[in-house]
Amino acid sequence: MRQEQGHCELCITNDIFHGSVKPMKRIVLIGIAGGSGAGKSTLTSKLMASDPDAYGFIELDDYMKKVEDVPKLLGRDNWDHPETIDFGKLVQDLKDLKAGRSIMRLTKNRSYNPSFGETRIMIPIEVRPRPIMLVEGFYILYDRRVRDLLDKKIWLEAGHERRWERRAHFKDDQYETGVNKPMYEQFVFPTRQYADAIIDAEGKNGEEVFREVEVMMKPYFTKELHKFI
């Protein structure tokens, strides 16, 4: 999964305000964790669509290191190991967003970078803070520095078969048994203990999970929030 850096000749702005920037009074960071294929991206997309003015998002996939820095397992690049993540950069970006400052990040998200599948080049986007920032990824609860910045930590629970069925990348038997399963059991699942809320994503569809989390988000939709969105 080689990914290259793009140039900032054309930077895309993920901007809530469509023009002038209003000051943020308080930024809420919501962590959405769980194994690969648990439904984190689906949930994030549904929350974003439900109120585009209130929500912004950061995804862990944009903080993966270059392929040459990825550890090996069984002679293969191990993209499921925590050492693939640049937690230092993630922590700094979350601190900046929580303080109301915009950040620049490289992304491969197809919504902003539709040609990534062909070019493998990550492009720069500006992310301006929104009142509720969703922080999504399978290792979001792994690093204590990240956990300490999150206002709420949600874990999506789903069994291996369900998650593997949904997984989009590296779907071959050798990777599943030699890399994905042992990494999940050794590093990902233990972070479940840090979640404030655990949601059954095995027995619910995406809409049901969204509705459950939507209720959890209601306390953050205060009158003060709507004064500055």
Protein backbone atom coordinates (compact mmCIF):
# COMPACT_ATOMS: atom_id res chain seq x y z
CA MET A 1 0.00 0.00 0.00
CA ARG A 2 2.51 2.59 -1.13
CA GLN A 3 1.29 6.12 -0.66
CA GLU A 4 3.02 9.25 -1.81
CA GLN A 5 2.76 12.84 -0.78
CA GLY A 6 1.10 15.33 -3.06
CA HIS A 7 1.93 18.99 -3.52
CA CYS A 8 -0.15 21.80 -2.10
CA GLU A 9 -0.73 23.49 -5.43
CA LEU A 10 -4.41 22.76 -4.95
CA CYS A 11 -5.38 22.25 -1.32
CA ILE A 12 -8.95 21.20 -0.62
CA THR A 13 -10.60 22.91 2.33
CA ASN A 14 -12.92 20.96 4.58
CA ASP A 15 -14.58 24.13 5.84
CA ILE A 16 -17.66 24.38 8.00
CA PHE A 17 -18.04 28.12 7.58
CA HIS A 18 -17.90 28.47 3.79
CA GLY A 19 -15.94 31.68 4.05
CA SER A 20 -15.01 33.63 7.17
CA VAL A 21 -13.85 31.60 10.14
CA LYS A 22 -15.76 32.03 13.38
CA PRO A 23 -14.02 31.33 16.69
CA MET A 24 -14.66 27.96 18.34
CA LYS A 25 -15.73 28.15 21.98
CA ARG A 26 -15.30 24.44 22.73
CA ILE A 27 -14.34 21.59 20.46
CA VAL A 28 -15.61 18.13 21.41
CA LEU A 29 -13.56 15.12 20.26
CA ILE A 30 -15.44 11.83 19.88
CA GLY A 31 -13.41 8.65 19.39
CA ILE A 32 -14.94 5.87 17.28
CA ALA A 33 -12.96 2.64 17.66
CA GLY A 34 -13.28 -1.07 16.94
CA GLY A 35 -11.70 -3.67 14.71
CA SER A 36 -11.25 -3.19 10.98
CA GLY A 37 -14.65 -3.77 9.36
CA ALA A 38 -16.70 -3.06 12.51
CA GLY A 39 -18.58 -0.21 10.80
CA LYS A 40 -16.61 2.83 12.01
CA SER A 41 -16.47 4.57 8.63
CA THR A 42 -20.16 3.91 7.99
CA LEU A 43 -21.09 5.40 11.35
CA THR A 44 -18.85 8.43 10.80
CA SER A 45 -20.39 9.06 7.36
CA LYS A 46 -23.93 8.86 8.73
CA LEU A 47 -23.17 11.27 11.57
CA MET A 48 -21.51 13.70 9.16
CA ALA A 49 -24.50 13.57 6.82
CA SER A 50 -26.95 14.09 9.66
CA ASP A 51 -25.54 17.53 10.53
CA PRO A 52 -22.69 18.73 8.27
CA ASP A 53 -22.42 22.02 10.16
CA ALA A 54 -21.84 20.37 13.53
CA TYR A 55 -19.54 17.47 12.63
CA GLY A 56 -16.03 17.23 11.24
CA PHE A 57 -13.80 14.18 11.16
CA ILE A 58 -10.29 12.85 11.37
CA GLU A 59 -9.50 9.31 10.22
CA LEU A 60 -6.60 7.23 11.42
CA ASP A 61 -5.85 5.94 7.90
CA ASP A 62 -4.41 9.36 7.06
CA TYR A 63 -1.77 8.94 9.77
CA MET A 64 -0.22 5.71 8.50
CA LYS A 65 3.52 5.83 7.96
CA LYS A 66 5.28 5.33 4.65
CA VAL A 67 5.58 1.75 3.48
CA GLU A 68 9.31 1.63 4.21
CA ASP A 69 8.56 2.33 7.88
CA VAL A 70 5.90 -0.37 8.22
CA PRO A 71 6.90 -3.45 10.27
CA LYS A 72 6.98 -6.89 8.67
CA LEU A 73 5.26 -10.09 9.73
CA LEU A 74 5.67 -13.39 7.90
CA GLY A 75 7.58 -11.50 5.23
CA ARG A 76 4.67 -9.12 4.54
CA ASP A 77 3.97 -5.47 5.29
CA ASN A 78 1.98 -5.51 8.53
CA TRP A 79 -0.50 -2.65 8.20
CA ASP A 80 -2.41 -3.91 11.27
CA HIS A 81 0.43 -3.18 13.72
CA PRO A 82 0.25 -0.05 15.92
CA GLU A 83 3.74 0.98 14.78
CA THR A 84 2.24 1.81 11.39
CA ILE A 85 0.56 4.86 12.94
CA ASP A 86 2.22 8.26 13.37
CA PHE A 87 0.67 8.93 16.76
CA GLY A 88 2.87 11.98 17.34
CA LYS A 89 1.38 13.77 14.33
CA LEU A 90 -2.14 12.67 15.27
CA VAL A 91 -1.78 13.96 18.83
CA GLN A 92 -0.50 17.34 17.65
CA ASP A 93 -3.34 17.70 15.12
CA LEU A 94 -5.95 16.82 17.74
CA LYS A 95 -4.46 19.34 20.16
CA ASP A 96 -4.61 22.03 17.48
CA LEU A 97 -8.20 21.23 16.57
CA LYS A 98 -9.26 21.14 20.22
CA ALA A 99 -7.68 24.57 20.63
CA GLY A 100 -9.69 25.87 17.66
CA ARG A 101 -6.84 25.89 15.15
CA SER A 102 -7.03 24.56 11.60
CA ILE A 103 -4.68 21.79 10.49
CA MET A 104 -3.26 20.59 7.20
CA ARG A 105 -3.20 16.86 6.58
CA LEU A 106 -2.53 14.51 3.70
CA THR A 107 -5.47 12.29 2.85
CA LYS A 108 -6.34 9.29 0.73
CA ASN A 109 -10.05 9.56 1.56
CA ARG A 110 -11.92 9.02 -1.70
CA SER A 111 -14.39 11.83 -0.93
CA TYR A 112 -11.54 14.36 -1.20
CA ASN A 113 -9.06 12.32 -3.22
CA PRO A 114 -11.10 10.23 -5.70
CA SER A 115 -8.08 9.30 -7.81
CA PHE A 116 -6.03 7.82 -4.95
CA GLY A 117 -6.80 4.27 -6.10
CA GLU A 118 -4.97 4.94 -9.36
CA THR A 119 -2.31 7.46 -8.32
CA ARG A 120 -1.56 6.25 -4.74
CA ILE A 121 -0.77 9.90 -4.02
CA MET A 122 -2.17 11.48 -0.87
CA ILE A 123 -3.25 15.08 -1.34
CA PRO A 124 -3.23 17.92 1.22
CA ILE A 125 -6.48 19.23 2.68
CA GLU A 126 -7.13 21.90 5.27
CA VAL A 127 -9.31 20.78 8.16
CA ARG A 128 -10.95 23.55 10.12
CA PRO A 129 -12.34 22.72 13.55
CA ARG A 130 -16.04 22.00 13.89
CA PRO A 131 -17.91 21.85 17.17
CA ILE A 132 -17.87 18.04 17.20
CA MET A 133 -14.85 16.32 15.66
CA LEU A 134 -15.18 12.58 15.05
CA VAL A 135 -11.87 10.72 15.38
CA GLU A 136 -12.19 7.33 13.69
CA GLY A 137 -9.87 4.35 13.49
CA PHE A 138 -9.01 0.91 14.84
CA TYR A 139 -6.17 2.20 17.01
CA ILE A 140 -7.83 5.40 18.24
CA LEU A 141 -7.83 4.09 21.84
CA TYR A 142 -4.31 2.62 21.71
CA ASP A 143 -2.25 5.69 22.60
CA ARG A 144 -2.89 7.24 26.00
CA ARG A 145 -2.15 10.73 24.68
CA VAL A 146 -4.98 10.36 22.18
CA ARG A 147 -7.35 8.89 24.77
CA ASP A 148 -6.72 11.80 27.10
CA LEU A 149 -7.84 14.26 24.41
CA LEU A 150 -11.12 12.48 23.66
CA ASP A 151 -14.32 13.66 25.34
CA LYS A 152 -16.11 10.38 24.60
CA LYS A 153 -14.81 7.01 23.45
CA ILE A 154 -17.10 4.64 21.53
CA TRP A 155 -16.26 1.04 20.65
CA LEU A 156 -18.13 -0.87 17.92
CA GLU A 157 -18.28 -4.56 18.79
CA ALA A 158 -18.37 -7.16 16.00
CA GLY A 159 -17.02 -10.68 15.62
CA HIS A 160 -14.16 -11.58 13.32
CA GLU A 161 -16.26 -13.17 10.57
CA ARG A 162 -18.52 -10.15 10.34
CA ARG A 163 -15.61 -7.73 10.33
CA TRP A 164 -13.59 -9.69 7.77
CA GLU A 165 -16.61 -9.82 5.48
CA ARG A 166 -16.78 -6.01 5.54
CA ARG A 167 -13.02 -5.37 5.32
CA ALA A 168 -11.99 -3.55 2.16
CA HIS A 169 -8.20 -4.16 1.96
CA PHE A 170 -5.70 -7.05 2.22
CA LYS A 171 -8.41 -9.71 2.01
CA ASP A 172 -6.51 -12.93 1.50
CA ASP A 173 -6.37 -16.03 3.70
CA GLN A 174 -2.70 -15.68 4.59
CA TYR A 175 -3.08 -12.08 5.71
CA GLU A 176 -6.24 -12.90 7.66
CA THR A 177 -4.79 -15.78 9.68
CA GLY A 178 -1.18 -14.62 9.87
CA VAL A 179 -1.61 -10.88 10.41
CA ASN A 180 -5.13 -9.56 10.91
CA LYS A 181 -6.39 -11.95 13.59
CA PRO A 182 -3.26 -12.01 15.77
CA MET A 183 -2.85 -8.22 15.59
CA TYR A 184 -6.47 -7.69 16.58
CA GLU A 185 -6.19 -10.06 19.53
CA GLN A 186 -2.81 -8.71 20.69
CA PHE A 187 -3.21 -4.97 20.16
CA VAL A 188 -6.68 -3.84 19.03
CA PHE A 189 -9.12 -5.74 21.25
CA PRO A 190 -7.33 -4.83 24.52
CA THR A 191 -8.10 -1.14 23.84
CA ARG A 192 -11.81 -1.95 24.21
CA GLN A 193 -11.35 -1.54 27.97
CA TYR A 194 -10.91 2.22 27.52
CA ALA A 195 -14.28 2.77 25.82
CA ASP A 196 -17.02 4.73 27.57
CA ALA A 197 -19.68 3.00 25.46
CA ILE A 198 -19.67 -0.37 23.69
CA ILE A 199 -22.18 -0.83 20.90
CA ASP A 200 -23.24 -4.15 19.41
CA ALA A 201 -22.39 -3.69 15.74
CA GLU A 202 -22.72 -7.42 15.06
CA GLY A 203 -26.46 -7.69 15.50
CA LYS A 204 -27.42 -4.22 14.25
CA ASN A 205 -27.33 -2.67 10.81
CA GLY A 206 -25.62 0.65 10.07
CA GLU A 207 -28.79 2.68 10.56
CA GLU A 208 -29.50 1.12 13.95
CA VAL A 209 -25.94 1.80 15.14
CA PHE A 210 -26.23 5.39 13.91
CA ARG A 211 -29.50 5.95 15.79
CA GLU A 212 -27.97 4.62 19.00
CA VAL A 213 -24.94 6.89 18.73
CA GLU A 214 -27.10 9.84 17.67
CA VAL A 215 -28.79 9.66 21.06
CA MET A 216 -25.37 9.71 22.75
CA MET A 217 -24.49 12.88 20.85
CA LYS A 218 -27.54 14.85 21.99
CA PRO A 219 -25.90 16.24 25.17
CA TYR A 220 -23.28 17.95 22.99
CA PHE A 221 -25.90 19.81 20.96
CA THR A 222 -26.28 22.69 23.38
CA LYS A 223 -27.60 26.17 22.70
CA GLU A 224 -24.02 27.40 22.96
CA LEU A 225 -22.93 25.06 20.16
CA HIS A 226 -25.50 26.47 17.77
CA LYS A 227 -24.37 30.02 18.50
CA PHE A 228 -21.14 29.43 16.61
CA ILE A 229 -21.96 26.98 13.83
